[in-house]
Amino acid sequence: MAAVGTLPGAAAVAGASVPQRQRRGGTPSFVAAYVPEGTRLVCGRQLRPAPVLACSSSSPSRPARRRFLSAAATAASSGSAGEAEPQGFAERYPTLVTGFFFFLWYFLNVIFNILNKKIFDYFPYPYFVSVSHLFIGVLYCLIGWSFGIPKRAPINSTILKQLVPVAVCHAIGHVTSTVSFAAVAVSFAHTIKALEPFFNAAASQFILGQPVPLTLWLSLVPVVVGVSVASLTELSFNWTGFINAMISNISFTYRSIYSKKAMTDMDSTNLYAYISIIALFVCIPPALIIEGPQLMQHGFKDAIAKVGLTKLISNFFVVGLFYHLYNQVATNTLERVAPLSHAIGNVLKRVFVIGFSIIVFGNKITTQTGIGTSIAIFGVALYSFIKAKIEEEKK
C-alpha cells in the first residue's frame, strides 16, 4: 500500500474510504485521500476538505510536486487575504464612523433640549409633554419593526418581568426631568443632574453592597460643592425644578441597578424599544389625572390659539423624535467605544447643552452660578475618568 501524503491546511472526513488506482509495470500508485482535521494551517486559516494526491516512493519528479504544492498554497493565501479585507465603509473607517456617532449624539441632544424648552412657552404641561415624547418614540419603533429595520426581537414573560422595573424607573426619571426643565433654566437643570454620579456611587455602596474606592468619593466632592454654589445663586431657582431634578437622579440610578439585573442578549435598539413601550403605559395615568382636566378645559385651546394646530402637532412630533433618537444614538455610541471614551463624551455633551441653552435662550447667570457649574462639570469629568479606569483595569 502506498503511503498517504499530506497537503498543508487540508481538512479530513474521519473514516472516509480511500479509492485507489494502480497501474502495471511498476508505475507509481496514487491514492485520493483526505487529511486528518487540524493538521496544519495555510496563512492562519484552515481550508475546506479537498482531495489530494499521495504517491509511493516511486513518486513523480520533485519539481512537479513543488509546483503543485506552491500553486495550492498561493491560491489559499490569496483567498484568505481576500476574506480578511474589510468590505463595508464602517469597517474601513471605524474612527470616522465613531466620530459621526458622537456628533449625532450631541446634535440631537442639543436640539431636543432647545425645542423642548420652547414648547413650555405656550404649552406648560410637562406630564403630557413627557407622554408625547414616549408616544412618538414608540410609533417610530413600531414603524421600524414593520419594515424590519431592525427586525423585532422576540420577548417572553421572563424578559418582560425583568424589563418592567427598568421601564418604571425610566418613566419616573423622564417625567421628573421634563418637569424640572419646564420649571427652571435648562442650564441649571443640567447642573443639578450632574449629581447623578453621586447617587450612583451611594447606591453601589449602600444598596448593592459594592465598595466604592475612596478616590471615587473624593472626585464627587467638587460635584456636590459646584451644584450647591450654583443653586444658591441661580436666578431661575425654584423648589419644583430642584426637587424634580433630584428625583430624576434617583430614578435613573435605580434604572441602572435594575438594568444590571435584567440580563438579556437582546440588542440595544430592541431593548430600548420595549422599555419605551412599557414606560409609555406607566406615564399615561398620572398625566391624565394631574393634567387631564386642565387640558380638556383650556390647555389645548390656549396652545392652538397661540401657535395653531398644525404647528402644535408638528412640534410634538419633532421633539418626540429627537428625544427617542438621541437616547438611541447614545446607546449605540456606548457599544462602539470604551467606557472611558463614552464617559468623557457624556461630560462634553452636558457642556454643549448648557452652553447652547445659555446662548439660545439668553439666560442670565451670575458669576457664582458660572463658577459653581464649572466646578460641578469638572467633578463629573474627574469621576467619569476614574471610574472608567477602574472598570478597564477589572477587565
Protein backbone atom coordinates (compact mmCIF):
# COMPACT_ATOMS: atom_id res chain seq x y z
CA MET A 1 0.00 0.00 0.00
CA ALA A 2 1.30 3.43 -0.90
CA ALA A 3 1.96 6.00 1.79
CA VAL A 4 -0.60 8.80 2.15
CA GLY A 5 0.86 12.31 1.59
CA THR A 6 -0.44 15.48 3.27
CA LEU A 7 -1.25 18.90 1.87
CA PRO A 8 -0.85 21.68 4.49
CA GLY A 9 -4.18 23.11 5.55
CA ALA A 10 -6.44 20.41 4.13
CA ALA A 11 -9.13 19.05 6.44
CA ALA A 12 -10.43 15.49 6.53
CA VAL A 13 -13.53 13.49 6.96
CA ALA A 14 -12.80 10.77 9.51
CA GLY A 15 -13.37 7.24 8.35
CA ALA A 16 -13.72 8.12 4.63
CA SER A 17 -12.88 5.34 2.16
CA VAL A 18 -9.69 5.70 0.16
CA PRO A 19 -10.19 4.91 -3.52
CA GLN A 20 -7.08 3.63 -5.30
CA ARG A 21 -5.87 3.33 -8.87
CA GLN A 22 -2.81 1.13 -9.67
CA ARG A 23 -1.16 0.55 -12.95
CA ARG A 24 1.05 -2.28 -14.18
CA GLY A 25 4.75 -2.24 -14.84
CA GLY A 26 5.91 -0.69 -11.58
CA THR A 27 4.26 2.62 -12.31
CA PRO A 28 3.54 4.90 -9.37
CA SER A 29 0.38 4.27 -7.41
CA PHE A 30 -1.77 7.24 -6.33
CA VAL A 31 -4.25 7.45 -3.52
CA ALA A 32 -7.07 10.02 -3.40
CA ALA A 33 -7.47 10.85 0.30
CA TYR A 34 -8.40 13.46 2.91
CA VAL A 35 -6.01 14.70 5.53
CA PRO A 36 -6.97 14.42 9.23
CA GLU A 37 -8.51 17.64 10.56
CA GLY A 38 -6.35 20.12 12.41
CA THR A 39 -3.00 19.02 10.97
CA ARG A 40 -1.76 22.33 9.54
CA LEU A 41 -2.97 25.82 8.60
CA VAL A 42 -2.30 27.87 5.50
CA CYS A 43 -1.90 31.58 6.32
CA GLY A 44 -3.56 31.03 9.66
CA ARG A 45 -6.78 29.58 8.17
CA GLN A 46 -8.00 26.01 7.51
CA LEU A 47 -9.02 25.11 4.00
CA ARG A 48 -12.20 23.29 3.19
CA PRO A 49 -11.94 19.49 2.69
CA ALA A 50 -10.32 18.75 -0.65
CA PRO A 51 -8.93 15.54 -2.25
CA VAL A 52 -5.15 15.39 -2.75
CA LEU A 53 -2.81 13.03 -4.48
CA ALA A 54 -0.42 10.88 -2.49
CA CYS A 55 2.33 8.91 -4.09
CA SER A 56 4.57 6.00 -3.22
CA SER A 57 8.31 6.05 -3.11
CA SER A 58 8.30 5.97 -6.89
CA SER A 59 6.59 9.35 -6.99
CA PRO A 60 6.73 11.85 -9.86
CA SER A 61 9.55 14.31 -10.16
CA ARG A 62 10.09 16.67 -7.23
CA PRO A 63 9.89 19.89 -9.30
CA ALA A 64 6.39 18.94 -10.45
CA ARG A 65 5.31 18.20 -6.85
CA ARG A 66 6.76 21.54 -5.65
CA ARG A 67 4.87 23.42 -8.37
CA PHE A 68 1.64 21.67 -7.36
CA LEU A 69 2.02 22.45 -3.65
CA SER A 70 3.16 26.02 -4.33
CA ALA A 71 0.15 26.71 -6.51
CA ALA A 72 -2.23 25.33 -3.88
CA ALA A 73 -0.64 27.39 -1.10
CA THR A 74 -0.71 30.55 -3.24
CA ALA A 75 -4.40 30.08 -4.03
CA ALA A 76 -5.19 29.51 -0.37
CA SER A 77 -3.23 32.58 0.69
CA SER A 78 -4.93 34.86 -1.82
CA GLY A 79 -8.38 33.57 -0.86
CA SER A 80 -7.70 34.03 2.84
CA ALA A 81 -6.37 37.53 2.36
CA GLY A 82 -9.40 38.42 0.26
CA GLU A 83 -11.76 37.32 3.01
CA ALA A 84 -9.87 39.33 5.66
CA GLU A 85 -10.24 42.63 3.81
CA PRO A 86 -13.00 44.86 5.27
CA GLN A 87 -15.85 45.34 2.84
CA GLY A 88 -18.11 47.96 4.44
CA PHE A 89 -17.49 51.67 4.97
CA ALA A 90 -17.79 51.27 8.77
CA GLU A 91 -15.08 48.59 8.77
CA ARG A 92 -12.75 50.63 6.61
CA TYR A 93 -13.15 53.89 8.55
CA PRO A 94 -14.16 52.99 12.14
CA THR A 95 -12.79 56.21 13.66
CA LEU A 96 -14.74 58.35 11.22
CA VAL A 97 -17.97 56.45 11.91
CA THR A 98 -17.49 56.70 15.69
CA GLY A 99 -16.85 60.43 15.39
CA PHE A 100 -20.07 60.78 13.42
CA PHE A 101 -21.97 58.94 16.19
CA PHE A 102 -20.64 61.40 18.77
CA PHE A 103 -21.57 64.36 16.59
CA LEU A 104 -25.07 62.98 16.04
CA TRP A 105 -25.48 62.31 19.76
CA TYR A 106 -24.54 65.92 20.65
CA PHE A 107 -26.58 67.45 17.85
CA LEU A 108 -29.77 65.53 18.65
CA ASN A 109 -29.41 66.22 22.38
CA VAL A 110 -28.87 69.98 21.97
CA ILE A 111 -31.75 70.37 19.51
CA PHE A 112 -34.06 68.33 21.73
CA ASN A 113 -33.31 70.44 24.82
CA ILE A 114 -33.85 73.71 22.93
CA LEU A 115 -37.08 72.72 21.17
CA ASN A 116 -38.43 71.01 24.26
CA LYS A 117 -37.94 74.14 26.37
CA LYS A 118 -39.67 76.30 23.75
CA ILE A 119 -42.79 74.13 23.90
CA PHE A 120 -43.37 75.16 27.51
CA ASP A 121 -43.76 78.79 26.42
CA TYR A 122 -47.21 78.01 25.04
CA PHE A 123 -47.92 74.52 26.47
CA PRO A 124 -46.89 74.37 30.17
CA TYR A 125 -47.94 70.76 30.76
CA PRO A 126 -44.79 68.68 31.32
CA TYR A 127 -46.62 65.42 32.14
CA PHE A 128 -48.40 65.42 28.79
CA VAL A 129 -45.20 66.51 27.01
CA SER A 130 -43.42 63.51 28.57
CA VAL A 131 -46.14 61.22 27.25
CA SER A 132 -45.79 62.74 23.77
CA HIS A 133 -42.02 62.07 23.81
CA LEU A 134 -42.54 58.38 24.52
CA PHE A 135 -45.55 58.06 22.20
CA ILE A 136 -43.61 59.37 19.19
CA GLY A 137 -40.70 57.12 20.10
CA VAL A 138 -42.93 54.06 20.31
CA LEU A 139 -44.55 54.99 17.00
CA TYR A 140 -41.08 55.23 15.46
CA CYS A 141 -40.18 51.76 16.79
CA LEU A 142 -43.40 50.16 15.53
CA ILE A 143 -42.90 51.60 12.05
CA GLY A 144 -39.30 50.38 12.05
CA TRP A 145 -40.36 46.89 13.11
CA SER A 146 -43.00 46.77 10.37
CA PHE A 147 -40.26 47.30 7.76
CA GLY A 148 -37.79 45.03 9.54
CA ILE A 149 -35.46 47.93 10.47
CA PRO A 150 -34.46 46.50 12.84
CA LYS A 151 -36.01 43.08 12.95
CA ARG A 152 -38.15 42.81 16.07
CA ALA A 153 -36.59 40.62 18.74
CA PRO A 154 -38.99 38.14 20.39
CA ILE A 155 -39.91 38.76 24.01
CA ASN A 156 -41.25 36.36 26.64
CA SER A 157 -42.71 36.69 30.11
CA THR A 158 -39.31 36.24 31.78
CA ILE A 159 -37.71 39.12 29.87
CA LEU A 160 -40.84 41.23 30.35
CA LYS A 161 -40.67 40.82 34.12
CA GLN A 162 -37.02 41.90 34.06
CA LEU A 163 -37.74 44.97 31.96
CA VAL A 164 -40.75 46.28 33.91
CA PRO A 165 -38.71 47.71 36.84
CA VAL A 166 -36.25 49.27 34.37
CA ALA A 167 -39.09 50.86 32.41
CA VAL A 168 -40.85 52.16 35.53
CA CYS A 169 -37.67 53.89 36.71
CA HIS A 170 -37.12 55.21 33.20
CA ALA A 171 -40.66 56.63 33.14
CA ILE A 172 -40.35 58.33 36.54
CA GLY A 173 -36.93 59.74 35.69
CA HIS A 174 -38.13 61.04 32.34
CA VAL A 175 -41.26 62.72 33.71
CA THR A 176 -39.45 64.40 36.61
CA SER A 177 -36.68 65.58 34.25
CA THR A 178 -39.30 67.15 32.00
CA VAL A 179 -40.98 68.84 34.96
CA SER A 180 -37.60 70.22 36.00
CA PHE A 181 -36.85 71.53 32.50
CA ALA A 182 -40.22 73.28 32.48
CA ALA A 183 -39.67 74.89 35.89
CA VAL A 184 -36.08 76.17 35.68
CA ALA A 185 -33.49 77.12 33.07
CA VAL A 186 -32.14 74.22 31.00
CA SER A 187 -28.59 75.07 32.06
CA PHE A 188 -29.49 74.90 35.75
CA ALA A 189 -31.47 71.66 35.35
CA HIS A 190 -28.44 70.01 33.74
CA THR A 191 -26.22 71.35 36.51
CA ILE A 192 -28.44 69.62 39.10
CA LYS A 193 -28.45 66.43 37.02
CA ALA A 194 -24.67 66.45 37.26
CA LEU A 195 -25.26 64.98 40.74
CA GLU A 196 -26.37 61.68 39.23
CA PRO A 197 -22.90 60.05 39.72
CA PHE A 198 -23.18 60.81 43.45
CA PHE A 199 -26.42 58.84 43.69
CA ASN A 200 -24.91 56.03 41.59
CA ALA A 201 -21.97 55.74 43.99
CA ALA A 202 -24.26 55.83 47.03
CA ALA A 203 -26.49 53.11 45.59
CA SER A 204 -23.50 50.90 44.77
CA GLN A 205 -22.09 51.31 48.29
CA PHE A 206 -25.20 51.10 50.46
CA ILE A 207 -27.78 49.21 48.36
CA LEU A 208 -25.77 46.78 46.24
CA GLY A 209 -23.04 46.37 48.85
CA GLN A 210 -20.29 47.06 46.31
CA PRO A 211 -17.42 49.02 47.91
CA VAL A 212 -16.69 52.33 46.18
CA PRO A 213 -12.99 53.34 46.19
CA LEU A 214 -12.05 56.41 48.19
CA THR A 215 -10.74 58.11 45.04
CA LEU A 216 -14.24 57.99 43.54
CA TRP A 217 -15.80 59.51 46.67
CA LEU A 218 -13.20 62.30 46.67
CA SER A 219 -13.89 63.06 43.00
CA LEU A 220 -17.55 63.66 43.88
CA VAL A 221 -16.71 66.45 46.35
CA PRO A 222 -16.36 69.13 43.63
CA VAL A 223 -19.64 67.92 42.08
CA VAL A 224 -21.57 68.46 45.32
CA VAL A 225 -19.82 71.78 46.04
CA GLY A 226 -20.34 73.05 42.49
CA VAL A 227 -24.06 72.23 42.42
CA SER A 228 -24.51 73.83 45.84
CA VAL A 229 -22.80 77.06 44.77
CA ALA A 230 -24.77 77.19 41.51
CA SER A 231 -28.08 76.57 43.31
CA LEU A 232 -27.55 79.33 45.89
CA THR A 233 -27.06 81.99 43.24
CA GLU A 234 -29.22 80.69 40.35
CA LEU A 235 -31.69 83.36 39.18
CA SER A 236 -34.26 80.83 37.93
CA PHE A 237 -34.09 78.65 41.05
CA ASN A 238 -37.32 77.19 42.44
CA TRP A 239 -38.01 74.14 44.54
CA THR A 240 -40.21 72.43 41.95
CA GLY A 241 -37.37 72.30 39.44
CA PHE A 242 -34.73 71.39 42.01
CA ILE A 243 -36.71 68.58 43.70
CA ASN A 244 -37.85 67.02 40.42
CA ALA A 245 -34.28 67.05 39.08
CA MET A 246 -33.13 65.27 42.24
CA ILE A 247 -35.93 62.68 41.92
CA SER A 248 -34.84 62.16 38.33
CA ASN A 249 -31.28 61.46 39.50
CA ILE A 250 -32.54 58.87 41.99
CA SER A 251 -34.82 57.24 39.41
CA PHE A 252 -32.10 56.89 36.82
CA THR A 253 -29.81 55.46 39.50
CA TYR A 254 -32.34 52.71 40.22
CA ARG A 255 -32.81 52.22 36.49
CA SER A 256 -29.09 51.43 36.27
CA ILE A 257 -29.39 48.96 39.17
CA TYR A 258 -32.32 47.10 37.61
CA SER A 259 -30.66 47.18 34.18
CA LYS A 260 -27.70 45.23 35.58
CA LYS A 261 -30.10 42.62 36.96
CA ALA A 262 -32.01 42.32 33.68
CA MET A 263 -29.52 40.11 31.88
CA THR A 264 -30.63 39.61 28.28
CA ASP A 265 -28.95 39.01 24.93
CA MET A 266 -31.35 41.39 23.16
CA ASP A 267 -29.71 44.13 21.09
CA SER A 268 -29.82 47.69 22.42
CA THR A 269 -32.23 49.00 19.77
CA ASN A 270 -34.92 46.43 20.52
CA LEU A 271 -34.27 46.66 24.25
CA TYR A 272 -34.83 50.42 24.31
CA ALA A 273 -37.95 49.99 22.16
CA TYR A 274 -39.55 47.60 24.67
CA ILE A 275 -38.56 49.85 27.60
CA SER A 276 -40.17 52.82 25.83
CA ILE A 277 -43.41 50.92 25.25
CA ILE A 278 -43.71 49.90 28.91
CA ALA A 279 -42.72 53.40 30.10
CA LEU A 280 -45.43 54.94 27.91
CA PHE A 281 -48.14 52.94 29.68
CA VAL A 282 -46.65 53.95 33.04
CA CYS A 283 -46.71 57.68 32.17
CA ILE A 284 -50.24 57.92 30.76
CA PRO A 285 -52.27 57.51 34.03
CA PRO A 286 -50.54 60.30 36.05
CA ALA A 287 -50.69 62.62 33.03
CA LEU A 288 -54.45 62.10 32.75
CA ILE A 289 -55.01 62.52 36.49
CA ILE A 290 -52.79 65.55 37.05
CA GLU A 291 -53.18 67.50 33.80
CA GLY A 292 -56.14 65.89 32.05
CA PRO A 293 -58.90 68.21 33.40
CA GLN A 294 -56.89 71.37 32.68
CA LEU A 295 -56.03 70.22 29.17
CA MET A 296 -59.67 69.46 28.35
CA GLN A 297 -60.90 72.78 29.73
CA HIS A 298 -58.41 75.24 28.24
CA GLY A 299 -54.93 73.75 27.76
CA PHE A 300 -55.26 72.61 24.16
CA LYS A 301 -57.44 75.61 23.20
CA ASP A 302 -54.89 78.10 24.53
CA ALA A 303 -51.99 76.41 22.77
CA ILE A 304 -53.82 76.19 19.45
CA ALA A 305 -54.80 79.85 19.74
CA LYS A 306 -51.14 80.83 20.20
CA VAL A 307 -49.37 78.70 17.56
CA GLY A 308 -52.07 76.87 15.60
CA LEU A 309 -52.98 73.18 15.48
CA THR A 310 -50.53 72.27 12.72
CA LYS A 311 -47.51 73.75 14.48
CA LEU A 312 -48.54 72.28 17.83
CA ILE A 313 -48.73 68.74 16.42
CA SER A 314 -45.57 69.11 14.32
CA ASN A 315 -43.62 70.43 17.31
CA PHE A 316 -44.73 67.48 19.45
CA PHE A 317 -43.70 65.10 16.68
CA VAL A 318 -40.26 66.65 16.08
CA VAL A 319 -39.38 66.94 19.78
CA GLY A 320 -40.51 63.37 20.47
CA LEU A 321 -38.50 62.08 17.53
CA PHE A 322 -35.36 63.93 18.67
CA TYR A 323 -35.84 62.58 22.19
CA HIS A 324 -36.03 58.98 21.03
CA LEU A 325 -33.17 59.28 18.54
CA TYR A 326 -30.73 60.95 20.93
CA ASN A 327 -31.30 58.23 23.53
CA GLN A 328 -30.92 55.53 20.90
CA VAL A 329 -27.75 57.06 19.43
CA ALA A 330 -26.30 57.43 22.95
CA THR A 331 -26.80 53.69 23.47
CA ASN A 332 -25.32 52.83 20.06
CA THR A 333 -22.32 55.06 20.76
CA LEU A 334 -21.69 53.29 24.06
CA GLU A 335 -21.46 49.99 22.18
CA ARG A 336 -18.77 51.38 19.85
CA VAL A 337 -16.32 52.86 22.35
CA ALA A 338 -14.59 52.05 25.62
CA PRO A 339 -16.21 53.18 28.90
CA LEU A 340 -13.67 55.98 29.34
CA SER A 341 -14.37 57.46 25.90
CA HIS A 342 -18.10 57.32 26.47
CA ALA A 343 -17.79 58.90 29.93
CA ILE A 344 -15.75 61.80 28.56
CA GLY A 345 -18.20 62.18 25.70
CA ASN A 346 -21.11 62.30 28.14
CA VAL A 347 -19.44 65.11 30.13
CA LEU A 348 -18.74 67.11 26.98
CA LYS A 349 -22.34 66.60 25.88
CA ARG A 350 -23.56 68.25 29.08
CA VAL A 351 -21.17 71.15 28.50
CA PHE A 352 -22.53 71.59 24.98
CA VAL A 353 -26.16 71.53 26.15
CA ILE A 354 -25.52 74.05 28.94
CA GLY A 355 -23.54 76.35 26.65
CA PHE A 356 -26.00 76.31 23.77
CA SER A 357 -29.02 76.75 26.04
CA ILE A 358 -27.46 79.89 27.57
CA ILE A 359 -26.79 81.28 24.09
CA VAL A 360 -30.17 80.41 22.57
CA PHE A 361 -32.37 81.46 25.49
CA GLY A 362 -30.17 84.31 26.64
CA ASN A 363 -30.27 83.09 30.24
CA LYS A 364 -28.56 85.47 32.61
CA ILE A 365 -26.26 83.69 35.03
CA THR A 366 -24.34 85.18 37.90
CA THR A 367 -20.60 84.79 38.25
CA GLN A 368 -21.13 82.43 41.20
CA THR A 369 -23.51 80.26 39.17
CA GLY A 370 -20.98 80.03 36.35
CA ILE A 371 -18.20 79.09 38.75
CA GLY A 372 -20.39 76.51 40.51
CA THR A 373 -21.44 74.94 37.20
CA SER A 374 -17.82 74.75 36.05
CA ILE A 375 -16.72 73.10 39.30
CA ALA A 376 -19.57 70.57 39.06
CA ILE A 377 -18.72 69.67 35.46
CA PHE A 378 -15.04 69.29 36.41
CA GLY A 379 -16.03 66.93 39.22
CA VAL A 380 -18.19 64.83 36.89
CA ALA A 381 -15.31 64.61 34.41
CA LEU A 382 -12.92 63.54 37.15
CA TYR A 383 -15.38 60.95 38.49
CA SER A 384 -16.06 59.56 35.00
CA PHE A 385 -12.33 59.29 34.23
CA ILE A 386 -11.51 57.45 37.48
CA LYS A 387 -14.50 55.12 37.22
CA ALA A 388 -13.75 54.20 33.60
CA LYS A 389 -10.12 53.48 34.51
CA ILE A 390 -11.21 51.19 37.35
CA GLU A 391 -13.59 49.29 35.03
CA GLU A 392 -10.88 48.85 32.39
CA GLU A 393 -8.44 47.53 34.99
CA LYS A 394 -11.02 44.93 36.10
CA LYS A 395 -11.17 43.62 32.55
